[in-house]
Amino acid sequence: MDHCANFDDMTIYLPDLLENGESHVDREFLFTIVNTLDADYFPKQLQSIECARR
């Protein structure tokens, strides 16, 4: 969600925040949005995680 909040193109697909400031977004739905609009995000994150492990 933090990554999506930085992109206006993604936020238009996300639900509005609830009164307590949190919204529930289905994980698969969120991943589909991110993969469609920022296809490099998850591969970069996986690479970063693998580098940190080493």
PDB file of N, CA and C in Angstrom:
ATOM      1  N   MET A   1       0.823  -1.194   0.000  1.00  0.00           N
ATOM      2  CA  MET A   1       0.000   0.000   0.000  1.00  0.00           C
ATOM      3  C   MET A   1       0.866   1.255   0.000  1.00  0.00           C
ATOM      4  N   ASP A   2       1.977   1.229   0.717  1.00  0.00           N
ATOM      5  CA  ASP A   2       2.841   2.411   0.751  1.00  0.00           C
ATOM      6  C   ASP A   2       3.369   2.745  -0.640  1.00  0.00           C
ATOM      7  N   HIS A   3       3.746   1.713  -1.371  1.00  0.00           N
ATOM      8  CA  HIS A   3       4.248   1.927  -2.732  1.00  0.00           C
ATOM      9  C   HIS A   3       3.150   2.509  -3.612  1.00  0.00           C
ATOM     10  N   CYS A   4       1.956   1.992  -3.505  1.00  0.00           N
ATOM     11  CA  CYS A   4       0.838   2.455  -4.329  1.00  0.00           C
ATOM     12  C   CYS A   4       0.457   3.894  -4.022  1.00  0.00           C
ATOM     13  N   ALA A   5       0.594   4.289  -2.780  1.00  0.00           N
ATOM     14  CA  ALA A   5       0.204   5.641  -2.376  1.00  0.00           C
ATOM     15  C   ALA A   5       1.052   6.710  -3.063  1.00  0.00           C
ATOM     16  N   ASN A   6       2.225   6.336  -3.560  1.00  0.00           N
ATOM     17  CA  ASN A   6       3.110   7.280  -4.223  1.00  0.00           C
ATOM     18  C   ASN A   6       2.784   7.500  -5.696  1.00  0.00           C
ATOM     19  N   PHE A   7       1.834   6.734  -6.227  1.00  0.00           N
ATOM     20  CA  PHE A   7       1.514   6.817  -7.641  1.00  0.00           C
ATOM     21  C   PHE A   7       0.034   7.115  -7.843  1.00  0.00           C
ATOM     22  N   ASP A   8      -0.247   8.257  -8.447  1.00  0.00           N
ATOM     23  CA  ASP A   8      -1.641   8.629  -8.709  1.00  0.00           C
ATOM     24  C   ASP A   8      -2.333   7.621  -9.613  1.00  0.00           C
ATOM     25  N   ASP A   9      -1.570   7.025 -10.542  1.00  0.00           N
ATOM     26  CA  ASP A   9      -2.148   6.028 -11.446  1.00  0.00           C
ATOM     27  C   ASP A   9      -2.667   4.807 -10.693  1.00  0.00           C
ATOM     28  N   MET A  10      -2.060   4.497  -9.560  1.00  0.00           N
ATOM     29  CA  MET A  10      -2.482   3.326  -8.781  1.00  0.00           C
ATOM     30  C   MET A  10      -3.590   3.674  -7.802  1.00  0.00           C
ATOM     31  N   THR A  11      -3.518   4.840  -7.208  1.00  0.00           N
ATOM     32  CA  THR A  11      -4.488   5.189  -6.171  1.00  0.00           C
ATOM     33  C   THR A  11      -5.912   5.282  -6.702  1.00  0.00           C
ATOM     34  N   ILE A  12      -6.074   5.548  -7.988  1.00  0.00           N
ATOM     35  CA  ILE A  12      -7.434   5.626  -8.530  1.00  0.00           C
ATOM     36  C   ILE A  12      -8.134   4.277  -8.504  1.00  0.00           C
ATOM     37  N   TYR A  13      -7.367   3.180  -8.414  1.00  0.00           N
ATOM     38  CA  TYR A  13      -7.948   1.840  -8.380  1.00  0.00           C
ATOM     39  C   TYR A  13      -8.170   1.322  -6.967  1.00  0.00           C
ATOM     40  N   LEU A  14      -7.643   2.023  -5.980  1.00  0.00           N
ATOM     41  CA  LEU A  14      -7.742   1.571  -4.591  1.00  0.00           C
ATOM     42  C   LEU A  14      -8.959   2.172  -3.905  1.00  0.00           C
ATOM     43  N   PRO A  15      -9.524   1.445  -2.948  1.00  0.00           N
ATOM     44  CA  PRO A  15     -10.677   1.995  -2.222  1.00  0.00           C
ATOM     45  C   PRO A  15     -10.272   3.154  -1.324  1.00  0.00           C
ATOM     46  N   ASP A  16     -11.217   4.004  -0.992  1.00  0.00           N
ATOM     47  CA  ASP A  16     -10.968   5.102  -0.064  1.00  0.00           C
ATOM     48  C   ASP A  16     -10.656   4.543   1.316  1.00  0.00           C
ATOM     49  N   LEU A  17      -9.916   5.313   2.107  1.00  0.00           N
ATOM     50  CA  LEU A  17      -9.592   4.887   3.463  1.00  0.00           C
ATOM     51  C   LEU A  17     -10.837   4.889   4.336  1.00  0.00           C
ATOM     52  N   LEU A  18     -10.884   3.963   5.260  1.00  0.00           N
ATOM     53  CA  LEU A  18     -11.971   3.926   6.223  1.00  0.00           C
ATOM     54  C   LEU A  18     -11.742   5.011   7.268  1.00  0.00           C
ATOM     55  N   GLU A  19     -12.687   5.179   8.157  1.00  0.00           N
ATOM     56  CA  GLU A  19     -12.596   6.244   9.170  1.00  0.00           C
ATOM     57  C   GLU A  19     -11.355   6.132  10.038  1.00  0.00           C
ATOM     58  N   ASN A  20     -10.898   4.917  10.308  1.00  0.00           N
ATOM     59  CA  ASN A  20      -9.723   4.738  11.158  1.00  0.00           C
ATOM     60  C   ASN A  20      -8.418   4.847  10.371  1.00  0.00           C
ATOM     61  N   GLY A  21      -8.493   5.204   9.084  1.00  0.00           N
ATOM     62  CA  GLY A  21      -7.301   5.406   8.290  1.00  0.00           C
ATOM     63  C   GLY A  21      -6.781   4.167   7.596  1.00  0.00           C
ATOM     64  N   GLU A  22      -7.478   3.053   7.751  1.00  0.00           N
ATOM     65  CA  GLU A  22      -7.043   1.822   7.117  1.00  0.00           C
ATOM     66  C   GLU A  22      -8.119   1.335   6.157  1.00  0.00           C
ATOM     67  N   SER A  23      -7.671   0.728   5.097  1.00  0.00           N
ATOM     68  CA  SER A  23      -8.619   0.129   4.169  1.00  0.00           C
ATOM     69  C   SER A  23      -8.214  -1.313   3.928  1.00  0.00           C
ATOM     70  N   HIS A  24      -9.172  -2.142   3.642  1.00  0.00           N
ATOM     71  CA  HIS A  24      -8.877  -3.534   3.330  1.00  0.00           C
ATOM     72  C   HIS A  24      -8.847  -3.680   1.821  1.00  0.00           C
ATOM     73  N   VAL A  25      -7.736  -4.172   1.318  1.00  0.00           N
ATOM     74  CA  VAL A  25      -7.598  -4.424  -0.110  1.00  0.00           C
ATOM     75  C   VAL A  25      -7.165  -5.873  -0.261  1.00  0.00           C
ATOM     76  N   ASP A  26      -7.878  -6.602  -1.099  1.00  0.00           N
ATOM     77  CA  ASP A  26      -7.529  -7.982  -1.374  1.00  0.00           C
ATOM     78  C   ASP A  26      -6.105  -8.048  -1.926  1.00  0.00           C
ATOM     79  N   ARG A  27      -5.303  -8.941  -1.382  1.00  0.00           N
ATOM     80  CA  ARG A  27      -3.898  -9.045  -1.761  1.00  0.00           C
ATOM     81  C   ARG A  27      -3.732  -9.306  -3.260  1.00  0.00           C
ATOM     82  N   GLU A  28      -4.497 -10.225  -3.800  1.00  0.00           N
ATOM     83  CA  GLU A  28      -4.384 -10.542  -5.220  1.00  0.00           C
ATOM     84  C   GLU A  28      -4.744  -9.330  -6.083  1.00  0.00           C
ATOM     85  N   PHE A  29      -5.774  -8.599  -5.680  1.00  0.00           N
ATOM     86  CA  PHE A  29      -6.181  -7.387  -6.397  1.00  0.00           C
ATOM     87  C   PHE A  29      -5.062  -6.358  -6.373  1.00  0.00           C
ATOM     88  N   LEU A  30      -4.474  -6.140  -5.203  1.00  0.00           N
ATOM     89  CA  LEU A  30      -3.393  -5.165  -5.064  1.00  0.00           C
ATOM     90  C   LEU A  30      -2.182  -5.573  -5.900  1.00  0.00           C
ATOM     91  N   PHE A  31      -1.810  -6.847  -5.856  1.00  0.00           N
ATOM     92  CA  PHE A  31      -0.665  -7.330  -6.627  1.00  0.00           C
ATOM     93  C   PHE A  31      -0.917  -7.174  -8.121  1.00  0.00           C
ATOM     94  N   THR A  32      -2.139  -7.396  -8.555  1.00  0.00           N
ATOM     95  CA  THR A  32      -2.474  -7.243  -9.969  1.00  0.00           C
ATOM     96  C   THR A  32      -2.303  -5.792 -10.404  1.00  0.00           C
ATOM     97  N   ILE A  33      -2.747  -4.869  -9.578  1.00  0.00           N
ATOM     98  CA  ILE A  33      -2.590  -3.445  -9.897  1.00  0.00           C
ATOM     99  C   ILE A  33      -1.116  -3.088 -10.010  1.00  0.00           C
ATOM    100  N   VAL A  34      -0.331  -3.498  -9.021  1.00  0.00           N
ATOM    101  CA  VAL A  34       1.089  -3.166  -9.022  1.00  0.00           C
ATOM    102  C   VAL A  34       1.792  -3.811 -10.216  1.00  0.00           C
ATOM    103  N   ASN A  35       1.519  -5.082 -10.476  1.00  0.00           N
ATOM    104  CA  ASN A  35       2.173  -5.758 -11.601  1.00  0.00           C
ATOM    105  C   ASN A  35       1.788  -5.154 -12.942  1.00  0.00           C
ATOM    106  N   THR A  36       0.586  -4.649 -13.044  1.00  0.00           N
ATOM    107  CA  THR A  36       0.135  -4.056 -14.294  1.00  0.00           C
ATOM    108  C   THR A  36       0.754  -2.676 -14.520  1.00  0.00           C
ATOM    109  N   LEU A  37       0.798  -1.864 -13.485  1.00  0.00           N
ATOM    110  CA  LEU A  37       1.240  -0.485 -13.640  1.00  0.00           C
ATOM    111  C   LEU A  37       2.724  -0.260 -13.345  1.00  0.00           C
ATOM    112  N   ASP A  38       3.356  -1.167 -12.616  1.00  0.00           N
ATOM    113  CA  ASP A  38       4.779  -1.051 -12.284  1.00  0.00           C
ATOM    114  C   ASP A  38       5.385  -2.451 -12.284  1.00  0.00           C
ATOM    115  N   ALA A  39       5.560  -2.993 -13.475  1.00  0.00           N
ATOM    116  CA  ALA A  39       5.991  -4.385 -13.633  1.00  0.00           C
ATOM    117  C   ALA A  39       7.362  -4.666 -13.031  1.00  0.00           C
ATOM    118  N   ASP A  40       8.181  -3.661 -12.816  1.00  0.00           N
ATOM    119  CA  ASP A  40       9.524  -3.865 -12.262  1.00  0.00           C
ATOM    120  C   ASP A  40       9.556  -3.889 -10.739  1.00  0.00           C
ATOM    121  N   TYR A  41       8.472  -3.514 -10.088  1.00  0.00           N
ATOM    122  CA  TYR A  41       8.488  -3.369  -8.629  1.00  0.00           C
ATOM    123  C   TYR A  41       8.821  -4.680  -7.907  1.00  0.00           C
ATOM    124  N   PHE A  42       8.064  -5.732  -8.163  1.00  0.00           N
ATOM    125  CA  PHE A  42       8.281  -6.979  -7.424  1.00  0.00           C
ATOM    126  C   PHE A  42       9.619  -7.641  -7.760  1.00  0.00           C
ATOM    127  N   PRO A  43      10.041  -7.684  -9.027  1.00  0.00           N
ATOM    128  CA  PRO A  43      11.380  -8.231  -9.284  1.00  0.00           C
ATOM    129  C   PRO A  43      12.489  -7.461  -8.570  1.00  0.00           C
ATOM    130  N   LYS A  44      12.370  -6.135  -8.513  1.00  0.00           N
ATOM    131  CA  LYS A  44      13.374  -5.334  -7.802  1.00  0.00           C
ATOM    132  C   LYS A  44      13.354  -5.621  -6.308  1.00  0.00           C
ATOM    133  N   GLN A  45      12.160  -5.785  -5.744  1.00  0.00           N
ATOM    134  CA  GLN A  45      12.053  -6.081  -4.321  1.00  0.00           C
ATOM    135  C   GLN A  45      12.653  -7.447  -3.995  1.00  0.00           C
ATOM    136  N   LEU A  46      12.392  -8.427  -4.850  1.00  0.00           N
ATOM    137  CA  LEU A  46      12.966  -9.763  -4.635  1.00  0.00           C
ATOM    138  C   LEU A  46      14.489  -9.724  -4.731  1.00  0.00           C
ATOM    139  N   GLN A  47      15.008  -8.978  -5.681  1.00  0.00           N
ATOM    140  CA  GLN A  47      16.450  -8.845  -5.817  1.00  0.00           C
ATOM    141  C   GLN A  47      17.050  -8.178  -4.584  1.00  0.00           C
ATOM    142  N   SER A  48      16.378  -7.166  -4.073  1.00  0.00           N
ATOM    143  CA  SER A  48      16.850  -6.480  -2.879  1.00  0.00           C
ATOM    144  C   SER A  48      16.865  -7.414  -1.676  1.00  0.00           C
ATOM    145  N   ILE A  49      15.852  -8.221  -1.528  1.00  0.00           N
ATOM    146  CA  ILE A  49      15.774  -9.181  -0.428  1.00  0.00           C
ATOM    147  C   ILE A  49      16.896 -10.206  -0.538  1.00  0.00           C
ATOM    148  N   GLU A  50      17.151 -10.720  -1.751  1.00  0.00           N
ATOM    149  CA  GLU A  50      18.200 -11.704  -1.955  1.00  0.00           C
ATOM    150  C   GLU A  50      19.578 -11.116  -1.656  1.00  0.00           C
ATOM    151  N   CYS A  51      19.786  -9.864  -2.047  1.00  0.00           N
ATOM    152  CA  CYS A  51      21.059  -9.204  -1.751  1.00  0.00           C
ATOM    153  C   CYS A  51      21.249  -9.016  -0.260  1.00  0.00           C
ATOM    154  N   ALA A  52      20.179  -8.678   0.450  1.00  0.00           N
ATOM    155  CA  ALA A  52      20.265  -8.490   1.902  1.00  0.00           C
ATOM    156  C   ALA A  52      20.567  -9.806   2.620  1.00  0.00           C
ATOM    157  N   ARG A  53      20.093 -10.904   2.068  1.00  0.00           N
ATOM    158  CA  ARG A  53      20.363 -12.215   2.674  1.00  0.00           C
ATOM    159  C   ARG A  53      21.829 -12.579   2.586  1.00  0.00           C
ATOM    160  N   ARG A  54      22.461 -12.184   1.490  1.00  0.00           N
ATOM    161  CA  ARG A  54      23.875 -12.508   1.274  1.00  0.00           C
ATOM    162  C   ARG A  54      24.694 -11.640   2.171  1.00  0.00           C
TER     163      ARG A  54
END
